PDB file of N, CA and C in Angstrom:
ATOM      1  N   MET A   1    -239.101  83.639  79.592  1.00  0.00           N
ATOM      2  CA  MET A   1    -237.919  82.997  79.043  1.00  0.00           C
ATOM      3  C   MET A   1    -238.246  81.519  78.825  1.00  0.00           C
ATOM      4  N   GLY A   2    -237.936  80.995  77.616  1.00  0.00           N
ATOM      5  CA  GLY A   2    -238.264  79.622  77.281  1.00  0.00           C
ATOM      6  C   GLY A   2    -237.263  78.621  77.845  1.00  0.00           C
ATOM      7  N   VAL A   3    -237.646  77.376  77.759  1.00  0.00           N
ATOM      8  CA  VAL A   3    -236.808  76.293  78.266  1.00  0.00           C
ATOM      9  C   VAL A   3    -235.466  76.254  77.538  1.00  0.00           C
ATOM     10  N   PHE A   4    -235.488  76.411  76.212  1.00  0.00           N
ATOM     11  CA  PHE A   4    -234.243  76.346  75.444  1.00  0.00           C
ATOM     12  C   PHE A   4    -233.329  77.526  75.751  1.00  0.00           C
ATOM     13  N   SER A   5    -233.920  78.678  76.052  1.00  0.00           N
ATOM     14  CA  SER A   5    -233.109  79.826  76.442  1.00  0.00           C
ATOM     15  C   SER A   5    -232.394  79.541  77.754  1.00  0.00           C
ATOM     16  N   LYS A   6    -233.142  78.958  78.708  1.00  0.00           N
ATOM     17  CA  LYS A   6    -232.546  78.629  79.996  1.00  0.00           C
ATOM     18  C   LYS A   6    -231.454  77.573  79.832  1.00  0.00           C
ATOM     19  N   LEU A   7    -231.716  76.566  78.989  1.00  0.00           N
ATOM     20  CA  LEU A   7    -230.696  75.545  78.735  1.00  0.00           C
ATOM     21  C   LEU A   7    -229.468  76.162  78.081  1.00  0.00           C
ATOM     22  N   GLY A   8    -229.712  77.035  77.125  1.00  0.00           N
ATOM     23  CA  GLY A   8    -228.596  77.691  76.447  1.00  0.00           C
ATOM     24  C   GLY A   8    -227.748  78.504  77.404  1.00  0.00           C
ATOM     25  N   GLN A   9    -228.418  79.205  78.310  1.00  0.00           N
ATOM     26  CA  GLN A   9    -227.673  79.985  79.297  1.00  0.00           C
ATOM     27  C   GLN A   9    -226.895  79.072  80.232  1.00  0.00           C
ATOM     28  N   ALA A  10    -227.488  77.952  80.591  1.00  0.00           N
ATOM     29  CA  ALA A  10    -226.813  77.017  81.494  1.00  0.00           C
ATOM     30  C   ALA A  10    -225.560  76.441  80.848  1.00  0.00           C
ATOM     31  N   PHE A  11    -225.604  76.268  79.528  1.00  0.00           N
ATOM     32  CA  PHE A  11    -224.437  75.721  78.813  1.00  0.00           C
ATOM     33  C   PHE A  11    -223.556  76.814  78.230  1.00  0.00           C
ATOM     34  N   GLY A  12    -223.881  78.063  78.509  1.00  0.00           N
ATOM     35  CA  GLY A  12    -223.029  79.164  78.077  1.00  0.00           C
ATOM     36  C   GLY A  12    -223.256  79.603  76.645  1.00  0.00           C
ATOM     37  N   SER A  13    -224.422  79.330  76.079  1.00  0.00           N
ATOM     38  CA  SER A  13    -224.722  79.820  74.734  1.00  0.00           C
ATOM     39  C   SER A  13    -226.155  80.296  74.712  1.00  0.00           C
ATOM     40  N   SER A  14    -226.485  81.070  73.722  1.00  0.00           N
ATOM     41  CA  SER A  14    -227.859  81.552  73.620  1.00  0.00           C
ATOM     42  C   SER A  14    -228.676  80.574  72.802  1.00  0.00           C
ATOM     43  N   ALA A  15    -229.991  80.692  72.886  1.00  0.00           N
ATOM     44  CA  ALA A  15    -230.890  79.785  72.160  1.00  0.00           C
ATOM     45  C   ALA A  15    -230.700  79.935  70.655  1.00  0.00           C
ATOM     46  N   LYS A  16    -230.321  81.127  70.204  1.00  0.00           N
ATOM     47  CA  LYS A  16    -230.102  81.329  68.770  1.00  0.00           C
ATOM     48  C   LYS A  16    -228.900  80.535  68.279  1.00  0.00           C
ATOM     49  N   GLU A  17    -227.906  80.333  69.135  1.00  0.00           N
ATOM     50  CA  GLU A  17    -226.702  79.606  68.744  1.00  0.00           C
ATOM     51  C   GLU A  17    -226.925  78.090  68.754  1.00  0.00           C
ATOM     52  N   MET A  18    -227.892  77.606  69.531  1.00  0.00           N
ATOM     53  CA  MET A  18    -228.107  76.170  69.685  1.00  0.00           C
ATOM     54  C   MET A  18    -229.245  75.729  68.765  1.00  0.00           C
ATOM     55  N   ASN A  19    -228.937  74.825  67.825  1.00  0.00           N
ATOM     56  CA  ASN A  19    -229.943  74.265  66.953  1.00  0.00           C
ATOM     57  C   ASN A  19    -230.207  72.839  67.418  1.00  0.00           C
ATOM     58  N   ILE A  20    -231.350  72.613  68.037  1.00  0.00           N
ATOM     59  CA  ILE A  20    -231.674  71.319  68.645  1.00  0.00           C
ATOM     60  C   ILE A  20    -231.715  70.220  67.590  1.00  0.00           C
ATOM     61  N   GLU A  21    -232.311  70.481  66.430  1.00  0.00           N
ATOM     62  CA  GLU A  21    -232.386  69.452  65.388  1.00  0.00           C
ATOM     63  C   GLU A  21    -231.001  69.015  64.933  1.00  0.00           C
ATOM     64  N   GLU A  22    -230.107  69.981  64.744  1.00  0.00           N
ATOM     65  CA  GLU A  22    -228.742  69.632  64.340  1.00  0.00           C
ATOM     66  C   GLU A  22    -228.060  68.796  65.410  1.00  0.00           C
ATOM     67  N   TYR A  23    -228.262  69.155  66.666  1.00  0.00           N
ATOM     68  CA  TYR A  23    -227.652  68.400  67.763  1.00  0.00           C
ATOM     69  C   TYR A  23    -228.196  66.971  67.810  1.00  0.00           C
ATOM     70  N   MET A  24    -229.502  66.815  67.703  1.00  0.00           N
ATOM     71  CA  MET A  24    -230.111  65.484  67.779  1.00  0.00           C
ATOM     72  C   MET A  24    -229.716  64.613  66.588  1.00  0.00           C
ATOM     73  N   ASN A  25    -229.395  65.219  65.461  1.00  0.00           N
ATOM     74  CA  ASN A  25    -228.986  64.459  64.274  1.00  0.00           C
ATOM     75  C   ASN A  25    -227.479  64.273  64.182  1.00  0.00           C
ATOM     76  N   SER A  26    -226.748  64.795  65.149  1.00  0.00           N
ATOM     77  CA  SER A  26    -225.294  64.705  65.105  1.00  0.00           C
ATOM     78  C   SER A  26    -224.821  63.282  65.364  1.00  0.00           C
ATOM     79  N   ALA A  27    -223.595  62.998  64.984  1.00  0.00           N
ATOM     80  CA  ALA A  27    -223.026  61.655  65.123  1.00  0.00           C
ATOM     81  C   ALA A  27    -222.970  61.208  66.575  1.00  0.00           C
ATOM     82  N   GLU A  28    -222.728  62.126  67.504  1.00  0.00           N
ATOM     83  CA  GLU A  28    -222.620  61.729  68.906  1.00  0.00           C
ATOM     84  C   GLU A  28    -223.964  61.293  69.476  1.00  0.00           C
ATOM     85  N   MET A  29    -225.064  61.680  68.869  1.00  0.00           N
ATOM     86  CA  MET A  29    -226.388  61.279  69.339  1.00  0.00           C
ATOM     87  C   MET A  29    -226.899  60.031  68.618  1.00  0.00           C
ATOM     88  N   GLU A  30    -226.139  59.526  67.665  1.00  0.00           N
ATOM     89  CA  GLU A  30    -226.569  58.414  66.822  1.00  0.00           C
ATOM     90  C   GLU A  30    -226.962  57.180  67.620  1.00  0.00           C
ATOM     91  N   ASP A  31    -226.197  56.810  68.632  1.00  0.00           N
ATOM     92  CA  ASP A  31    -226.452  55.594  69.388  1.00  0.00           C
ATOM     93  C   ASP A  31    -227.163  55.831  70.715  1.00  0.00           C
ATOM     94  N   VAL A  32    -227.721  57.012  70.904  1.00  0.00           N
ATOM     95  CA  VAL A  32    -228.371  57.330  72.172  1.00  0.00           C
ATOM     96  C   VAL A  32    -229.843  56.949  72.084  1.00  0.00           C
ATOM     97  N   ASP A  33    -230.290  56.166  73.034  1.00  0.00           N
ATOM     98  CA  ASP A  33    -231.692  55.791  73.162  1.00  0.00           C
ATOM     99  C   ASP A  33    -232.293  56.720  74.206  1.00  0.00           C
ATOM    100  N   LEU A  34    -233.104  57.656  73.766  1.00  0.00           N
ATOM    101  CA  LEU A  34    -233.627  58.671  74.679  1.00  0.00           C
ATOM    102  C   LEU A  34    -234.709  58.135  75.607  1.00  0.00           C
ATOM    103  N   LEU A  35    -235.322  57.009  75.264  1.00  0.00           N
ATOM    104  CA  LEU A  35    -236.404  56.490  76.075  1.00  0.00           C
ATOM    105  C   LEU A  35    -235.935  55.539  77.171  1.00  0.00           C
ATOM    106  N   HIS A  36    -234.753  54.949  77.014  1.00  0.00           N
ATOM    107  CA  HIS A  36    -234.279  53.956  77.964  1.00  0.00           C
ATOM    108  C   HIS A  36    -232.835  54.225  78.355  1.00  0.00           C
ATOM    109  N   GLU A  37    -232.486  53.760  79.525  1.00  0.00           N
ATOM    110  CA  GLU A  37    -231.093  53.840  79.945  1.00  0.00           C
ATOM    111  C   GLU A  37    -230.288  52.829  79.139  1.00  0.00           C
ATOM    112  N   PRO A  38    -228.998  53.049  78.954  1.00  0.00           N
ATOM    113  CA  PRO A  38    -228.181  52.063  78.242  1.00  0.00           C
ATOM    114  C   PRO A  38    -228.223  50.713  78.961  1.00  0.00           C
ATOM    115  N   ALA A  39    -228.228  49.659  78.185  1.00  0.00           N
ATOM    116  CA  ALA A  39    -228.278  48.310  78.747  1.00  0.00           C
ATOM    117  C   ALA A  39    -226.879  47.708  78.786  1.00  0.00           C
ATOM    118  N   ASP A  40    -226.704  46.709  79.631  1.00  0.00           N
ATOM    119  CA  ASP A  40    -225.428  46.002  79.693  1.00  0.00           C
ATOM    120  C   ASP A  40    -225.242  45.104  78.475  1.00  0.00           C
ATOM    121  N   MET A  41    -226.355  44.576  77.954  1.00  0.00           N
ATOM    122  CA  MET A  41    -226.308  43.754  76.748  1.00  0.00           C
ATOM    123  C   MET A  41    -227.635  43.892  76.021  1.00  0.00           C
ATOM    124  N   TYR A  42    -227.618  43.556  74.745  1.00  0.00           N
ATOM    125  CA  TYR A  42    -228.803  43.662  73.912  1.00  0.00           C
ATOM    126  C   TYR A  42    -229.085  42.321  73.252  1.00  0.00           C
ATOM    127  N   VAL A  43    -230.341  42.076  72.888  1.00  0.00           N
ATOM    128  CA  VAL A  43    -230.713  40.927  72.070  1.00  0.00           C
ATOM    129  C   VAL A  43    -230.824  41.464  70.651  1.00  0.00           C
ATOM    130  N   LYS A  44    -229.984  40.933  69.767  1.00  0.00           N
ATOM    131  CA  LYS A  44    -229.936  41.444  68.406  1.00  0.00           C
ATOM    132  C   LYS A  44    -230.373  40.382  67.407  1.00  0.00           C
ATOM    133  N   PRO A  45    -231.404  40.670  66.618  1.00  0.00           N
ATOM    134  CA  PRO A  45    -231.788  39.740  65.563  1.00  0.00           C
ATOM    135  C   PRO A  45    -230.825  39.868  64.387  1.00  0.00           C
ATOM    136  N   VAL A  46    -230.335  38.734  63.904  1.00  0.00           N
ATOM    137  CA  VAL A  46    -229.377  38.712  62.790  1.00  0.00           C
ATOM    138  C   VAL A  46    -229.830  37.630  61.814  1.00  0.00           C
ATOM    139  N   THR A  47    -229.777  37.936  60.528  1.00  0.00           N
ATOM    140  CA  THR A  47    -230.074  36.952  59.500  1.00  0.00           C
ATOM    141  C   THR A  47    -228.762  36.526  58.869  1.00  0.00           C
ATOM    142  N   ALA A  48    -228.494  35.239  58.867  1.00  0.00           N
ATOM    143  CA  ALA A  48    -227.273  34.716  58.251  1.00  0.00           C
ATOM    144  C   ALA A  48    -227.604  34.249  56.842  1.00  0.00           C
ATOM    145  N   VAL A  49    -226.799  34.707  55.885  1.00  0.00           N
ATOM    146  CA  VAL A  49    -226.998  34.290  54.497  1.00  0.00           C
ATOM    147  C   VAL A  49    -225.739  33.693  53.887  1.00  0.00           C
ATOM    148  N   SER A  50    -224.584  33.967  54.514  1.00  0.00           N
ATOM    149  CA  SER A  50    -223.336  33.407  53.996  1.00  0.00           C
ATOM    150  C   SER A  50    -222.314  33.298  55.127  1.00  0.00           C
ATOM    151  N   GLU A  51    -221.182  32.695  54.818  1.00  0.00           N
ATOM    152  CA  GLU A  51    -220.126  32.534  55.822  1.00  0.00           C
ATOM    153  C   GLU A  51    -219.504  33.870  56.220  1.00  0.00           C
ATOM    154  N   ASP A  52    -219.732  34.903  55.421  1.00  0.00           N
ATOM    155  CA  ASP A  52    -219.245  36.246  55.768  1.00  0.00           C
ATOM    156  C   ASP A  52    -219.955  36.809  57.002  1.00  0.00           C
ATOM    157  N   ASP A  53    -221.077  36.212  57.371  1.00  0.00           N
ATOM    158  CA  ASP A  53    -221.838  36.690  58.529  1.00  0.00           C
ATOM    159  C   ASP A  53    -221.283  36.188  59.861  1.00  0.00           C
ATOM    160  N   VAL A  54    -220.371  35.234  59.839  1.00  0.00           N
ATOM    161  CA  VAL A  54    -219.844  34.652  61.075  1.00  0.00           C
ATOM    162  C   VAL A  54    -219.067  35.685  61.876  1.00  0.00           C
ATOM    163  N   GLU A  55    -218.186  36.419  61.244  1.00  0.00           N
ATOM    164  CA  GLU A  55    -217.343  37.384  61.970  1.00  0.00           C
ATOM    165  C   GLU A  55    -218.158  38.494  62.639  1.00  0.00           C
ATOM    166  N   PRO A  56    -219.134  39.111  61.948  1.00  0.00           N
ATOM    167  CA  PRO A  56    -219.949  40.120  62.651  1.00  0.00           C
ATOM    168  C   PRO A  56    -220.727  39.544  63.839  1.00  0.00           C
ATOM    169  N   ILE A  57    -221.160  38.294  63.737  1.00  0.00           N
ATOM    170  CA  ILE A  57    -221.852  37.651  64.852  1.00  0.00           C
ATOM    171  C   ILE A  57    -220.890  37.483  66.022  1.00  0.00           C
ATOM    172  N   GLN A  58    -219.679  37.051  65.740  1.00  0.00           N
ATOM    173  CA  GLN A  58    -218.672  36.902  66.791  1.00  0.00           C
ATOM    174  C   GLN A  58    -218.351  38.253  67.427  1.00  0.00           C
ATOM    175  N   ASP A  59    -218.311  39.305  66.625  1.00  0.00           N
ATOM    176  CA  ASP A  59    -218.063  40.651  67.159  1.00  0.00           C
ATOM    177  C   ASP A  59    -219.171  41.070  68.128  1.00  0.00           C
ATOM    178  N   GLU A  60    -220.407  40.796  67.756  1.00  0.00           N
ATOM    179  CA  GLU A  60    -221.526  41.139  68.642  1.00  0.00           C
ATOM    180  C   GLU A  60    -221.465  40.337  69.942  1.00  0.00           C
ATOM    181  N   LEU A  61    -221.102  39.069  69.840  1.00  0.00           N
ATOM    182  CA  LEU A  61    -220.978  38.249  71.051  1.00  0.00           C
ATOM    183  C   LEU A  61    -219.853  38.758  71.942  1.00  0.00           C
ATOM    184  N   SER A  62    -218.758  39.217  71.343  1.00  0.00           N
ATOM    185  CA  SER A  62    -217.654  39.750  72.145  1.00  0.00           C
ATOM    186  C   SER A  62    -218.053  41.054  72.845  1.00  0.00           C
ATOM    187  N   LYS A  63    -219.086  41.733  72.330  1.00  0.00           N
ATOM    188  CA  LYS A  63    -219.620  42.936  72.981  1.00  0.00           C
ATOM    189  C   LYS A  63    -220.687  42.570  74.016  1.00  0.00           C
ATOM    190  N   ARG A  64    -220.840  41.269  74.284  1.00  0.00           N
ATOM    191  CA  ARG A  64    -221.773  40.717  75.270  1.00  0.00           C
ATOM    192  C   ARG A  64    -223.230  40.840  74.847  1.00  0.00           C
ATOM    193  N   ASN A  65    -223.492  40.862  73.549  1.00  0.00           N
ATOM    194  CA  ASN A  65    -224.855  40.893  73.051  1.00  0.00           C
ATOM    195  C   ASN A  65    -225.333  39.472  72.762  1.00  0.00           C
ATOM    196  N   ILE A  66    -226.624  39.254  72.900  1.00  0.00           N
ATOM    197  CA  ILE A  66    -227.248  37.969  72.619  1.00  0.00           C
ATOM    198  C   ILE A  66    -227.770  38.014  71.188  1.00  0.00           C
ATOM    199  N   ILE A  67    -227.544  36.953  70.432  1.00  0.00           N
ATOM    200  CA  ILE A  67    -227.925  36.909  69.024  1.00  0.00           C
ATOM    201  C   ILE A  67    -229.106  35.972  68.825  1.00  0.00           C
ATOM    202  N   LEU A  68    -230.129  36.473  68.162  1.00  0.00           N
ATOM    203  CA  LEU A  68    -231.235  35.650  67.700  1.00  0.00           C
ATOM    204  C   LEU A  68    -231.016  35.487  66.200  1.00  0.00           C
ATOM    205  N   LEU A  69    -230.479  34.334  65.818  1.00  0.00           N
ATOM    206  CA  LEU A  69    -230.007  34.105  64.453  1.00  0.00           C
ATOM    207  C   LEU A  69    -231.083  33.449  63.597  1.00  0.00           C
ATOM    208  N   ASP A  70    -231.431  34.107  62.495  1.00  0.00           N
ATOM    209  CA  ASP A  70    -232.382  33.569  61.529  1.00  0.00           C
ATOM    210  C   ASP A  70    -231.580  32.815  60.465  1.00  0.00           C
ATOM    211  N   ILE A  71    -231.822  31.508  60.372  1.00  0.00           N
ATOM    212  CA  ILE A  71    -231.094  30.680  59.398  1.00  0.00           C
ATOM    213  C   ILE A  71    -232.019  30.151  58.304  1.00  0.00           C
ATOM    214  N   SER A  72    -233.188  30.769  58.126  1.00  0.00           N
ATOM    215  CA  SER A  72    -234.145  30.268  57.141  1.00  0.00           C
ATOM    216  C   SER A  72    -233.568  30.264  55.726  1.00  0.00           C
ATOM    217  N   GLU A  73    -232.774  31.278  55.373  1.00  0.00           N
ATOM    218  CA  GLU A  73    -232.122  31.288  54.058  1.00  0.00           C
ATOM    219  C   GLU A  73    -231.092  30.176  53.938  1.00  0.00           C
ATOM    220  N   LEU A  74    -230.392  29.898  55.027  1.00  0.00           N
ATOM    221  CA  LEU A  74    -229.349  28.865  55.010  1.00  0.00           C
ATOM    222  C   LEU A  74    -229.920  27.454  54.947  1.00  0.00           C
ATOM    223  N   ASN A  75    -231.159  27.279  55.345  1.00  0.00           N
ATOM    224  CA  ASN A  75    -231.763  25.954  55.292  1.00  0.00           C
ATOM    225  C   ASN A  75    -231.880  25.444  53.859  1.00  0.00           C
ATOM    226  N   LYS A  76    -231.824  26.366  52.903  1.00  0.00           N
ATOM    227  CA  LYS A  76    -231.845  25.980  51.492  1.00  0.00           C
ATOM    228  C   LYS A  76    -230.483  25.450  51.037  1.00  0.00           C
ATOM    229  N   ARG A  77    -229.442  25.742  51.835  1.00  0.00           N
ATOM    230  CA  ARG A  77    -228.067  25.297  51.536  1.00  0.00           C
ATOM    231  C   ARG A  77    -227.495  24.649  52.786  1.00  0.00           C
ATOM    232  N   PRO A  78    -227.807  23.383  53.004  1.00  0.00           N
ATOM    233  CA  PRO A  78    -227.403  22.700  54.236  1.00  0.00           C
ATOM    234  C   PRO A  78    -225.892  22.679  54.482  1.00  0.00           C
ATOM    235  N   THR A  79    -225.096  22.583  53.439  1.00  0.00           N
ATOM    236  CA  THR A  79    -223.642  22.542  53.625  1.00  0.00           C
ATOM    237  C   THR A  79    -223.137  23.857  54.218  1.00  0.00           C
ATOM    238  N   THR A  80    -223.600  24.964  53.676  1.00  0.00           N
ATOM    239  CA  THR A  80    -223.209  26.285  54.181  1.00  0.00           C
ATOM    240  C   THR A  80    -223.733  26.475  55.603  1.00  0.00           C
ATOM    241  N   ARG A  81    -224.986  26.075  55.844  1.00  0.00           N
ATOM    242  CA  ARG A  81    -225.577  26.185  57.186  1.00  0.00           C
ATOM    243  C   ARG A  81    -224.740  25.420  58.207  1.00  0.00           C
ATOM    244  N   ASN A  82    -224.392  24.188  57.881  1.00  0.00           N
ATOM    245  CA  ASN A  82    -223.619  23.369  58.808  1.00  0.00           C
ATOM    246  C   ASN A  82    -222.242  23.966  59.069  1.00  0.00           C
ATOM    247  N   SER A  83    -221.630  24.520  58.038  1.00  0.00           N
ATOM    248  CA  SER A  83    -220.316  25.146  58.200  1.00  0.00           C
ATOM    249  C   SER A  83    -220.397  26.353  59.138  1.00  0.00           C
ATOM    250  N   ILE A  84    -221.396  27.184  58.953  1.00  0.00           N
ATOM    251  CA  ILE A  84    -221.567  28.374  59.795  1.00  0.00           C
ATOM    252  C   ILE A  84    -221.850  27.970  61.237  1.00  0.00           C
ATOM    253  N   VAL A  85    -222.748  27.017  61.435  1.00  0.00           N
ATOM    254  CA  VAL A  85    -223.091  26.578  62.790  1.00  0.00           C
ATOM    255  C   VAL A  85    -221.879  25.952  63.470  1.00  0.00           C
ATOM    256  N   THR A  86    -221.081  25.195  62.732  1.00  0.00           N
ATOM    257  CA  THR A  86    -219.868  24.591  63.286  1.00  0.00           C
ATOM    258  C   THR A  86    -218.884  25.660  63.743  1.00  0.00           C
ATOM    259  N   LYS A  87    -218.692  26.697  62.923  1.00  0.00           N
ATOM    260  CA  LYS A  87    -217.787  27.794  63.294  1.00  0.00           C
ATOM    261  C   LYS A  87    -218.301  28.530  64.533  1.00  0.00           C
ATOM    262  N   LEU A  88    -219.605  28.771  64.581  1.00  0.00           N
ATOM    263  CA  LEU A  88    -220.170  29.463  65.740  1.00  0.00           C
ATOM    264  C   LEU A  88    -220.073  28.617  67.000  1.00  0.00           C
ATOM    265  N   LYS A  89    -220.306  27.307  66.874  1.00  0.00           N
ATOM    266  CA  LYS A  89    -220.175  26.423  68.036  1.00  0.00           C
ATOM    267  C   LYS A  89    -218.750  26.426  68.566  1.00  0.00           C
ATOM    268  N   ALA A  90    -217.768  26.389  67.667  1.00  0.00           N
ATOM    269  CA  ALA A  90    -216.360  26.415  68.086  1.00  0.00           C
ATOM    270  C   ALA A  90    -216.052  27.716  68.829  1.00  0.00           C
ATOM    271  N   TYR A  91    -216.557  28.828  68.323  1.00  0.00           N
ATOM    272  CA  TYR A  91    -216.338  30.122  68.973  1.00  0.00           C
ATOM    273  C   TYR A  91    -216.994  30.145  70.350  1.00  0.00           C
ATOM    274  N   ILE A  92    -218.208  29.624  70.434  1.00  0.00           N
ATOM    275  CA  ILE A  92    -218.950  29.593  71.695  1.00  0.00           C
ATOM    276  C   ILE A  92    -218.234  28.742  72.735  1.00  0.00           C
ATOM    277  N   GLU A  93    -217.732  27.587  72.320  1.00  0.00           N
ATOM    278  CA  GLU A  93    -216.997  26.726  73.254  1.00  0.00           C
ATOM    279  C   GLU A  93    -215.747  27.429  73.771  1.00  0.00           C
ATOM    280  N   LYS A  94    -215.072  28.138  72.885  1.00  0.00           N
ATOM    281  CA  LYS A  94    -213.844  28.846  73.252  1.00  0.00           C
ATOM    282  C   LYS A  94    -214.116  29.999  74.217  1.00  0.00           C
ATOM    283  N   THR A  95    -215.263  30.651  74.073  1.00  0.00           N
ATOM    284  CA  THR A  95    -215.549  31.844  74.879  1.00  0.00           C
ATOM    285  C   THR A  95    -216.483  31.584  76.051  1.00  0.00           C
ATOM    286  N   ASN A  96    -216.919  30.331  76.241  1.00  0.00           N
ATOM    287  CA  ASN A  96    -217.795  29.957  77.343  1.00  0.00           C
ATOM    288  C   ASN A  96    -219.190  30.576  77.233  1.00  0.00           C
ATOM    289  N   GLY A  97    -219.687  30.689  75.994  1.00  0.00           N
ATOM    290  CA  GLY A  97    -221.052  31.143  75.773  1.00  0.00           C
ATOM    291  C   GLY A  97    -221.953  29.935  75.643  1.00  0.00           C
ATOM    292  N   ASP A  98    -223.068  30.105  74.920  1.00  0.00           N
ATOM    293  CA  ASP A  98    -223.978  28.984  74.711  1.00  0.00           C
ATOM    294  C   ASP A  98    -224.715  29.184  73.396  1.00  0.00           C
ATOM    295  N   ILE A  99    -225.214  28.076  72.854  1.00  0.00           N
ATOM    296  CA  ILE A  99    -225.954  28.100  71.598  1.00  0.00           C
ATOM    297  C   ILE A  99    -227.057  27.065  71.683  1.00  0.00           C
ATOM    298  N   GLY A 100    -228.230  27.423  71.184  1.00  0.00           N
ATOM    299  CA  GLY A 100    -229.348  26.491  71.213  1.00  0.00           C
ATOM    300  C   GLY A 100    -230.315  26.792  70.083  1.00  0.00           C
ATOM    301  N   GLN A 101    -230.824  25.732  69.467  1.00  0.00           N
ATOM    302  CA  GLN A 101    -231.770  25.911  68.378  1.00  0.00           C
ATOM    303  C   GLN A 101    -233.176  26.074  68.942  1.00  0.00           C
ATOM    304  N   ILE A 102    -233.854  27.128  68.533  1.00  0.00           N
ATOM    305  CA  ILE A 102    -235.211  27.404  68.999  1.00  0.00           C
ATOM    306  C   ILE A 102    -236.213  26.613  68.155  1.00  0.00           C
ATOM    307  N   ASP A 103    -236.077  26.724  66.840  1.00  0.00           N
ATOM    308  CA  ASP A 103    -236.894  25.967  65.898  1.00  0.00           C
ATOM    309  C   ASP A 103    -236.080  25.785  64.616  1.00  0.00           C
ATOM    310  N   GLU A 104    -236.722  25.366  63.544  1.00  0.00           N
ATOM    311  CA  GLU A 104    -235.977  25.058  62.320  1.00  0.00           C
ATOM    312  C   GLU A 104    -235.298  26.272  61.695  1.00  0.00           C
ATOM    313  N   SER A 105    -235.773  27.457  62.015  1.00  0.00           N
ATOM    314  CA  SER A 105    -235.214  28.636  61.354  1.00  0.00           C
ATOM    315  C   SER A 105    -234.520  29.620  62.294  1.00  0.00           C
ATOM    316  N   ARG A 106    -234.482  29.331  63.603  1.00  0.00           N
ATOM    317  CA  ARG A 106    -233.873  30.280  64.537  1.00  0.00           C
ATOM    318  C   ARG A 106    -232.970  29.591  65.540  1.00  0.00           C
ATOM    319  N   ILE A 107    -231.841  30.269  65.822  1.00  0.00           N
ATOM    320  CA  ILE A 107    -230.865  29.790  66.794  1.00  0.00           C
ATOM    321  C   ILE A 107    -230.587  30.935  67.763  1.00  0.00           C
ATOM    322  N   LEU A 108    -230.510  30.618  69.042  1.00  0.00           N
ATOM    323  CA  LEU A 108    -230.173  31.593  70.071  1.00  0.00           C
ATOM    324  C   LEU A 108    -228.710  31.389  70.445  1.00  0.00           C
ATOM    325  N   ILE A 109    -227.923  32.469  70.411  1.00  0.00           N
ATOM    326  CA  ILE A 109    -226.496  32.397  70.738  1.00  0.00           C
ATOM    327  C   ILE A 109    -226.218  33.425  71.825  1.00  0.00           C
ATOM    328  N   THR A 110    -225.584  32.981  72.905  1.00  0.00           N
ATOM    329  CA  THR A 110    -225.316  33.879  74.027  1.00  0.00           C
ATOM    330  C   THR A 110    -223.819  34.082  74.220  1.00  0.00           C
ATOM    331  N   PRO A 111    -223.438  35.229  74.782  1.00  0.00           N
ATOM    332  CA  PRO A 111    -222.022  35.494  75.041  1.00  0.00           C
ATOM    333  C   PRO A 111    -221.526  34.745  76.270  1.00  0.00           C
ATOM    334  N   ALA A 112    -220.293  34.984  76.622  1.00  0.00           N
ATOM    335  CA  ALA A 112    -219.657  34.335  77.767  1.00  0.00           C
ATOM    336  C   ALA A 112    -220.495  34.498  79.031  1.00  0.00           C
ATOM    337  N   LYS A 113    -220.567  33.414  79.790  1.00  0.00           N
ATOM    338  CA  LYS A 113    -221.225  33.373  81.098  1.00  0.00           C
ATOM    339  C   LYS A 113    -222.733  33.601  81.051  1.00  0.00           C
ATOM    340  N   VAL A 114    -223.350  33.417  79.879  1.00  0.00           N
ATOM    341  CA  VAL A 114    -224.807  33.437  79.764  1.00  0.00           C
ATOM    342  C   VAL A 114    -225.195  32.075  79.215  1.00  0.00           C
ATOM    343  N   LYS A 115    -225.974  31.330  79.981  1.00  0.00           N
ATOM    344  CA  LYS A 115    -226.328  29.962  79.600  1.00  0.00           C
ATOM    345  C   LYS A 115    -227.805  29.857  79.255  1.00  0.00           C
ATOM    346  N   ILE A 116    -228.118  28.907  78.392  1.00  0.00           N
ATOM    347  CA  ILE A 116    -229.484  28.623  77.958  1.00  0.00           C
ATOM    348  C   ILE A 116    -229.950  27.355  78.654  1.00  0.00           C
ATOM    349  N   ILE A 117    -231.104  27.398  79.293  1.00  0.00           N
ATOM    350  CA  ILE A 117    -231.684  26.180  79.861  1.00  0.00           C
ATOM    351  C   ILE A 117    -232.427  25.500  78.713  1.00  0.00           C
ATOM    352  N   LYS A 118    -231.960  24.314  78.349  1.00  0.00           N
ATOM    353  CA  LYS A 118    -232.447  23.679  77.138  1.00  0.00           C
ATOM    354  C   LYS A 118    -233.555  22.675  77.368  1.00  0.00           C
ATOM    355  N   ARG A 119    -233.860  22.352  78.606  1.00  0.00           N
ATOM    356  CA  ARG A 119    -234.947  21.406  78.907  1.00  0.00           C
ATOM    357  C   ARG A 119    -236.016  22.105  79.700  1.00  0.00           C
ATOM    358  N   LYS A 120    -237.247  21.786  79.375  1.00  0.00           N
ATOM    359  CA  LYS A 120    -238.358  22.324  80.159  1.00  0.00           C
ATOM    360  C   LYS A 120    -238.495  21.519  81.429  1.00  0.00           C
ATOM    361  N   LYS A 121    -238.863  22.208  82.524  1.00  0.00           N
ATOM    362  CA  LYS A 121    -239.108  21.504  83.774  1.00  0.00           C
ATOM    363  C   LYS A 121    -240.399  20.716  83.653  1.00  0.00           C
ATOM    364  N   GLN A 122    -240.398  19.535  84.210  1.00  0.00           N
ATOM    365  CA  GLN A 122    -241.589  18.658  84.181  1.00  0.00           C
ATOM    366  C   GLN A 122    -242.596  19.123  85.200  1.00  0.00           C
TER     367      GLN A 122
END
């Protein structure tokens, strides 16, 4: 008796009734990471290209995810870049998160109660 037959019997169905590929491709398996346990928060790379990107970034921060923001496209439009960064800073101050520029094209944004140490120890 194969492994899938035993699993099918354990769940009350036969192996012929259970299609593993269909199950793995189903919507309920979409967000399952089979190699790792679920994390409390994730580091998500995001590229900002317009002011429409502010709200999705805020949504990710409210889910306690850390954002690694690529602003290289925005560096070509300083006014838009400054507006987006100002909005994100206001949100961060309101939610007790943190924001710090890594280099000219990347910004690290953290959710509430996660702080960035911005100075290197001597």
